[in-house]
Every structure is written in C-alpha cells, then in structure tokens.
Amino acid sequence: MGKMLGPHVRKATWVWQSMTGNEVDAIRLERDVGRDLASGIRKQLKLDPDPQIAHLLNEVGSRLAGCVANKLRTFGFETFAGGEPNAFALPGGYIFVSRSLVELCERNQDEVAFILGHEMSHVIRGHAMDRIITNSAISLGTKFTSVRGPITALLNNVGVRFLESSYSQELEMEADKLGVRLVVAAGYNAKAAAVLLSRLAKLNPSGAESNFGHYFSSHPSINLRIQNIS
C-alpha cells in the first residue's frame, strides 16, 4: 500500500498517502483523481471556446498560482457555457468557471482573481478532495478497485450539480480568506472581492438561489462573506 497502482488511484492509497506518506506522491495521486473527474466533467459540460476569456483566466490564474506556497500544486482553468454564474474546483487543481460568472465580474481581473483564488483555496486546503472521498458514491468498498469506476458512478448519480454546490459555511469562509490572501500576494486589488459580493447582494437581496445558482446562495450569506474578508 502507499504505491501507485497503475494509471488510476485507489481511494485507500490516497488516504494512506495523505496521512503518512510522501507529500509528492499524495499530490500526484490527488491530481490523478482530478484528471479522471475533469475528463468526465468535460463530457457533461459545454466548454466555452472564447479565447479572450481563456486568456483572462490563464493570466490571472497563473499569477495567483505563482503565489501558492506549496510549489507542488499546479492549477488549470477552463470555461464552460451555462446560464448560472458558477465555478467549482476539482482535486489536483482543475478549476472550472462559467462564462456567465466571468461576465458578472465584468471581466475585471481583480474580481476574477477573487473567484479563482477562492476555488484554488478549496484545493489547497483539501476541501475538494475531501468532498470526493467522503461522498457516498465512493464507499470503503473501493479499497481494492480503481477510482475510475466510483468517480464515473459519482458523476452519473449526482452530476455536475454536486460539484457546483456550496461547501459548509466554515469551509466557504476559509476559502474566502485564503483566496483574498492570494489576491493580495498576486498584486490584485483585494477590495474587488467586497465590490463583487456587494453587487451580488444588490442584484439578489433575498439571498435566494434565483438566477445566481448554488454559487451565490445564502450559505453563507453574502453579507457574512463580506464581513469575513473585510
């Protein structure tokens, strides 16, 4: 146990590595899980080919990634078409952002930096991987099987909606705080985060999902998020 077992990772191997093994191997295994997930996600989502948005995400994302303390971490950024402003992070640093969310940020680099920094923080803090391995679709029965089967089952059973949904209030607040720290370290304007959230609060004062989807739902509330990063 604790070794790579073919091209795909076993859940039990990743857990073992994350607790007692080599950090390089643990992150490599996490990246393998994310790569499998990303492959499935691309089949479910319609990716947006706009080169200007791709350039914006890659430029901002690269600056943020350069400020991540753990240089073993890598990140990639992709845009998908969708009616709701949304974004989510997969294990291993695969970040997906909806075109509508980029437009909601008015393509402002500082605001986009907060969105990307927030999602990257979910990866850095291990939230993204924890979400996958604790989901009921990946049971302890996968101990001696490749993760490809369980991950395919997860996507088939709960779909992208599961990955787009909010984390707990505590984890979302943690990601906001670290995200703002990355924004500052990369030289972007941290005040843009509050500006974006305030604009959302005005557009959607009830805090309900409405046209803003899970990403800006009231868990936690926008006002609480603003207070958390102020």
Protein backbone atom coordinates (compact mmCIF):
# COMPACT_ATOMS: atom_id res chain seq x y z
CA MET A 1 0.00 0.00 0.00
CA GLY A 2 1.15 3.57 -0.49
CA LYS A 3 2.41 2.98 -4.03
CA MET A 4 0.98 3.92 -7.39
CA LEU A 5 -1.14 1.01 -8.60
CA GLY A 6 -1.41 1.57 -12.32
CA PRO A 7 -2.60 4.76 -14.08
CA HIS A 8 -5.51 5.35 -11.71
CA VAL A 9 -5.51 5.86 -7.97
CA ARG A 10 -7.13 3.71 -5.33
CA LYS A 11 -9.02 5.66 -2.72
CA ALA A 12 -7.37 3.78 0.13
CA THR A 13 -3.94 4.53 -1.33
CA TRP A 14 -4.65 8.25 -1.45
CA VAL A 15 -5.89 8.30 2.13
CA TRP A 16 -2.83 6.38 3.30
CA GLN A 17 -0.51 8.72 1.45
CA SER A 18 -2.24 11.84 2.72
CA MET A 19 -1.82 10.73 6.33
CA THR A 20 1.56 9.03 6.44
CA GLY A 21 3.14 9.02 3.01
CA ASN A 22 5.24 11.29 0.87
CA GLU A 23 3.62 14.63 0.01
CA VAL A 24 4.79 14.44 -3.59
CA ASP A 25 3.03 11.10 -4.06
CA ALA A 26 -0.09 12.30 -2.25
CA ILE A 27 -0.47 15.34 -4.52
CA ARG A 28 0.26 13.21 -7.57
CA LEU A 29 -2.48 10.81 -6.58
CA GLU A 30 -4.87 13.68 -5.95
CA ARG A 31 -4.09 15.05 -9.40
CA ASP A 32 -4.93 11.67 -10.93
CA VAL A 33 -8.32 11.71 -9.24
CA GLY A 34 -8.93 15.24 -10.53
CA ARG A 35 -7.87 14.31 -14.04
CA ASP A 36 -10.43 11.49 -14.14
CA LEU A 37 -13.11 13.81 -12.80
CA ALA A 38 -12.20 16.58 -15.26
CA SER A 39 -12.46 14.15 -18.15
CA GLY A 40 -15.97 13.24 -17.08
CA ILE A 41 -16.94 16.85 -16.47
CA ARG A 42 -15.90 17.90 -19.97
CA LYS A 43 -18.34 15.33 -21.36
CA GLN A 44 -21.19 16.77 -19.30
CA LEU A 45 -20.50 20.47 -19.74
CA LYS A 46 -20.31 22.53 -22.90
CA LEU A 47 -16.91 24.18 -22.77
CA ASP A 48 -16.69 27.80 -23.91
CA PRO A 49 -14.10 28.38 -26.66
CA ASP A 50 -13.82 32.17 -26.23
CA PRO A 51 -10.05 32.81 -26.46
CA GLN A 52 -10.29 36.14 -24.64
CA ILE A 53 -11.87 34.57 -21.57
CA ALA A 54 -9.39 31.71 -21.70
CA HIS A 55 -6.54 34.22 -21.79
CA LEU A 56 -8.05 36.16 -18.88
CA LEU A 57 -8.41 33.09 -16.69
CA ASN A 58 -4.96 31.77 -17.53
CA GLU A 59 -3.27 35.12 -16.99
CA VAL A 60 -4.95 35.77 -13.64
CA GLY A 61 -4.75 32.14 -12.56
CA SER A 62 -1.04 31.91 -13.35
CA ARG A 63 -0.27 34.96 -11.22
CA LEU A 64 -2.24 33.52 -8.33
CA ALA A 65 -0.66 30.09 -8.71
CA GLY A 66 2.78 31.70 -8.57
CA CYS A 67 1.96 32.89 -5.06
CA VAL A 68 0.92 29.49 -3.72
CA ALA A 69 3.45 28.47 -1.08
CA ASN A 70 3.40 24.77 -1.95
CA LYS A 71 5.08 24.62 -5.36
CA LEU A 72 3.96 21.01 -5.80
CA ARG A 73 0.49 22.36 -6.51
CA THR A 74 -0.50 23.02 -10.11
CA PHE A 75 -3.68 24.56 -11.49
CA GLY A 76 -5.57 24.67 -14.75
CA PHE A 77 -8.53 26.89 -15.67
CA GLU A 78 -11.37 26.18 -18.08
CA THR A 79 -14.57 28.00 -19.00
CA PHE A 80 -17.95 26.40 -19.59
CA ALA A 81 -21.14 27.80 -21.06
CA GLY A 82 -24.07 27.95 -18.69
CA GLY A 83 -26.97 30.07 -17.61
CA GLU A 84 -25.97 30.36 -13.96
CA PRO A 85 -22.86 32.12 -12.66
CA ASN A 86 -20.88 29.29 -11.15
CA ALA A 87 -17.45 27.84 -10.51
CA PHE A 88 -16.01 24.76 -8.88
CA ALA A 89 -12.68 23.14 -8.12
CA LEU A 90 -11.65 19.53 -8.61
CA PRO A 91 -8.87 17.74 -6.72
CA GLY A 92 -5.49 18.36 -8.27
CA GLY A 93 -6.22 21.97 -9.22
CA TYR A 94 -8.70 21.65 -12.09
CA ILE A 95 -10.81 24.83 -11.90
CA PHE A 96 -13.99 25.30 -13.97
CA VAL A 97 -15.66 28.72 -14.26
CA SER A 98 -18.86 29.55 -16.12
CA ARG A 99 -18.78 32.23 -18.79
CA SER A 100 -21.72 33.92 -17.07
CA LEU A 101 -19.67 34.30 -13.88
CA VAL A 102 -16.81 35.91 -15.80
CA GLU A 103 -19.32 38.29 -17.38
CA LEU A 104 -20.83 39.01 -13.96
CA CYS A 105 -17.33 40.07 -12.89
CA GLU A 106 -17.39 42.37 -15.94
CA ARG A 107 -14.17 40.63 -16.95
CA ASN A 108 -12.45 42.66 -14.27
CA GLN A 109 -9.15 40.99 -13.39
CA ASP A 110 -9.36 41.86 -9.69
CA GLU A 111 -12.82 40.34 -9.34
CA VAL A 112 -11.90 37.29 -11.40
CA ALA A 113 -8.83 36.90 -9.18
CA PHE A 114 -11.08 36.60 -6.12
CA ILE A 115 -13.21 33.92 -7.79
CA LEU A 116 -10.17 31.90 -8.86
CA GLY A 117 -8.39 32.43 -5.55
CA HIS A 118 -11.45 31.17 -3.69
CA GLU A 119 -11.65 27.99 -5.80
CA MET A 120 -7.90 27.39 -5.63
CA SER A 121 -8.16 27.64 -1.85
CA HIS A 122 -10.60 24.74 -1.80
CA VAL A 123 -7.88 22.67 -3.47
CA ILE A 124 -5.04 23.94 -1.28
CA ARG A 125 -6.96 23.25 1.93
CA GLY A 126 -8.01 19.80 0.77
CA HIS A 127 -11.73 20.63 0.65
CA ALA A 128 -12.08 19.45 -2.95
CA MET A 129 -10.57 16.02 -2.29
CA ASP A 130 -12.45 15.57 0.98
CA ARG A 131 -15.71 16.25 -0.85
CA ILE A 132 -14.99 13.42 -3.27
CA ILE A 133 -13.71 10.74 -0.92
CA THR A 134 -16.43 11.30 1.68
CA ASN A 135 -19.28 11.22 -0.81
CA SER A 136 -21.45 8.15 -0.52
CA ALA A 137 -20.79 7.29 -4.14
CA ILE A 138 -17.23 6.36 -3.17
CA SER A 139 -17.54 3.85 -0.38
CA LEU A 140 -14.93 1.91 1.55
CA GLY A 141 -15.66 -0.91 -0.84
CA THR A 142 -13.42 0.83 -3.37
CA LYS A 143 -10.37 -0.03 -1.31
CA PHE A 144 -9.21 -2.61 -3.82
CA THR A 145 -10.52 -1.06 -7.00
CA SER A 146 -9.55 1.76 -9.31
CA VAL A 147 -11.18 5.11 -8.64
CA ARG A 148 -12.36 5.30 -12.25
CA GLY A 149 -15.45 3.23 -11.52
CA PRO A 150 -16.55 5.12 -8.37
CA ILE A 151 -15.86 8.51 -9.92
CA THR A 152 -17.85 7.62 -13.02
CA ALA A 153 -20.65 6.45 -10.74
CA LEU A 154 -20.48 9.69 -8.77
CA LEU A 155 -20.86 11.83 -11.88
CA ASN A 156 -23.65 9.63 -13.22
CA ASN A 157 -25.54 9.69 -9.93
CA VAL A 158 -25.17 13.28 -8.81
CA GLY A 159 -23.79 15.03 -11.87
CA VAL A 160 -22.06 18.37 -12.08
CA ARG A 161 -24.62 19.89 -9.71
CA PHE A 162 -22.93 18.16 -6.80
CA LEU A 163 -19.56 19.73 -7.64
CA GLU A 164 -21.13 23.17 -8.12
CA SER A 165 -22.93 23.16 -4.78
CA SER A 166 -21.69 25.05 -1.75
CA TYR A 167 -19.38 23.65 0.89
CA SER A 168 -20.18 24.15 4.54
CA GLN A 169 -20.22 27.73 5.77
CA GLU A 170 -16.94 27.17 7.63
CA LEU A 171 -15.14 25.88 4.54
CA GLU A 172 -16.53 28.62 2.29
CA MET A 173 -15.36 31.28 4.73
CA GLU A 174 -11.93 29.66 4.94
CA ALA A 175 -11.67 29.65 1.15
CA ASP A 176 -12.70 33.31 1.02
CA LYS A 177 -9.98 34.31 3.48
CA LEU A 178 -7.19 32.37 1.80
CA GLY A 179 -8.47 33.49 -1.60
CA VAL A 180 -8.13 37.14 -0.61
CA ARG A 181 -4.61 36.47 0.68
CA LEU A 182 -3.70 35.03 -2.73
CA VAL A 183 -5.28 38.04 -4.44
CA VAL A 184 -3.14 40.43 -2.38
CA ALA A 185 0.02 38.37 -2.86
CA ALA A 186 -0.50 38.37 -6.63
CA GLY A 187 -0.84 42.15 -6.68
CA TYR A 188 -4.57 42.37 -7.33
CA ASN A 189 -6.97 44.67 -5.51
CA ALA A 190 -8.46 42.81 -2.54
CA LYS A 191 -11.29 45.35 -2.30
CA ALA A 192 -12.67 43.95 -5.54
CA ALA A 193 -13.93 40.92 -3.62
CA ALA A 194 -16.24 43.03 -1.47
CA VAL A 195 -17.26 45.06 -4.53
CA LEU A 196 -18.29 41.91 -6.37
CA LEU A 197 -20.14 40.47 -3.38
CA SER A 198 -21.88 43.79 -2.71
CA ARG A 199 -23.03 43.97 -6.31
CA LEU A 200 -24.45 40.49 -5.98
CA ALA A 201 -26.24 41.43 -2.77
CA LYS A 202 -27.92 44.34 -4.58
CA LEU A 203 -28.86 42.21 -7.56
CA ASN A 204 -30.22 39.46 -5.37
CA PRO A 205 -31.20 41.00 -2.00
CA SER A 206 -33.25 37.99 -0.89
CA GLY A 207 -30.16 35.74 -0.91
CA ALA A 208 -32.12 33.02 -2.66
CA GLU A 209 -30.59 30.93 -5.42
CA SER A 210 -32.68 32.55 -8.14
CA ASN A 211 -30.56 33.14 -11.24
CA PHE A 212 -27.35 33.00 -9.24
CA GLY A 213 -27.39 29.25 -8.70
CA HIS A 214 -25.68 27.43 -5.86
CA TYR A 215 -22.52 29.52 -6.02
CA PHE A 216 -24.09 32.64 -4.51
CA SER A 217 -26.79 31.02 -2.41
CA SER A 218 -27.32 32.15 1.16
CA HIS A 219 -25.00 29.54 2.68
CA PRO A 220 -23.11 31.51 3.85
CA SER A 221 -24.88 34.84 3.28
CA ILE A 222 -23.21 37.42 1.09
CA ASN A 223 -23.15 39.96 3.92
CA LEU A 224 -21.41 37.46 6.18
CA ARG A 225 -18.85 36.76 3.48
CA ILE A 226 -18.13 40.47 3.12
CA GLN A 227 -17.63 40.82 6.88
CA ASN A 228 -15.33 37.79 6.86
CA ILE A 229 -12.92 39.29 4.33
CA SER A 230 -13.09 42.92 5.48
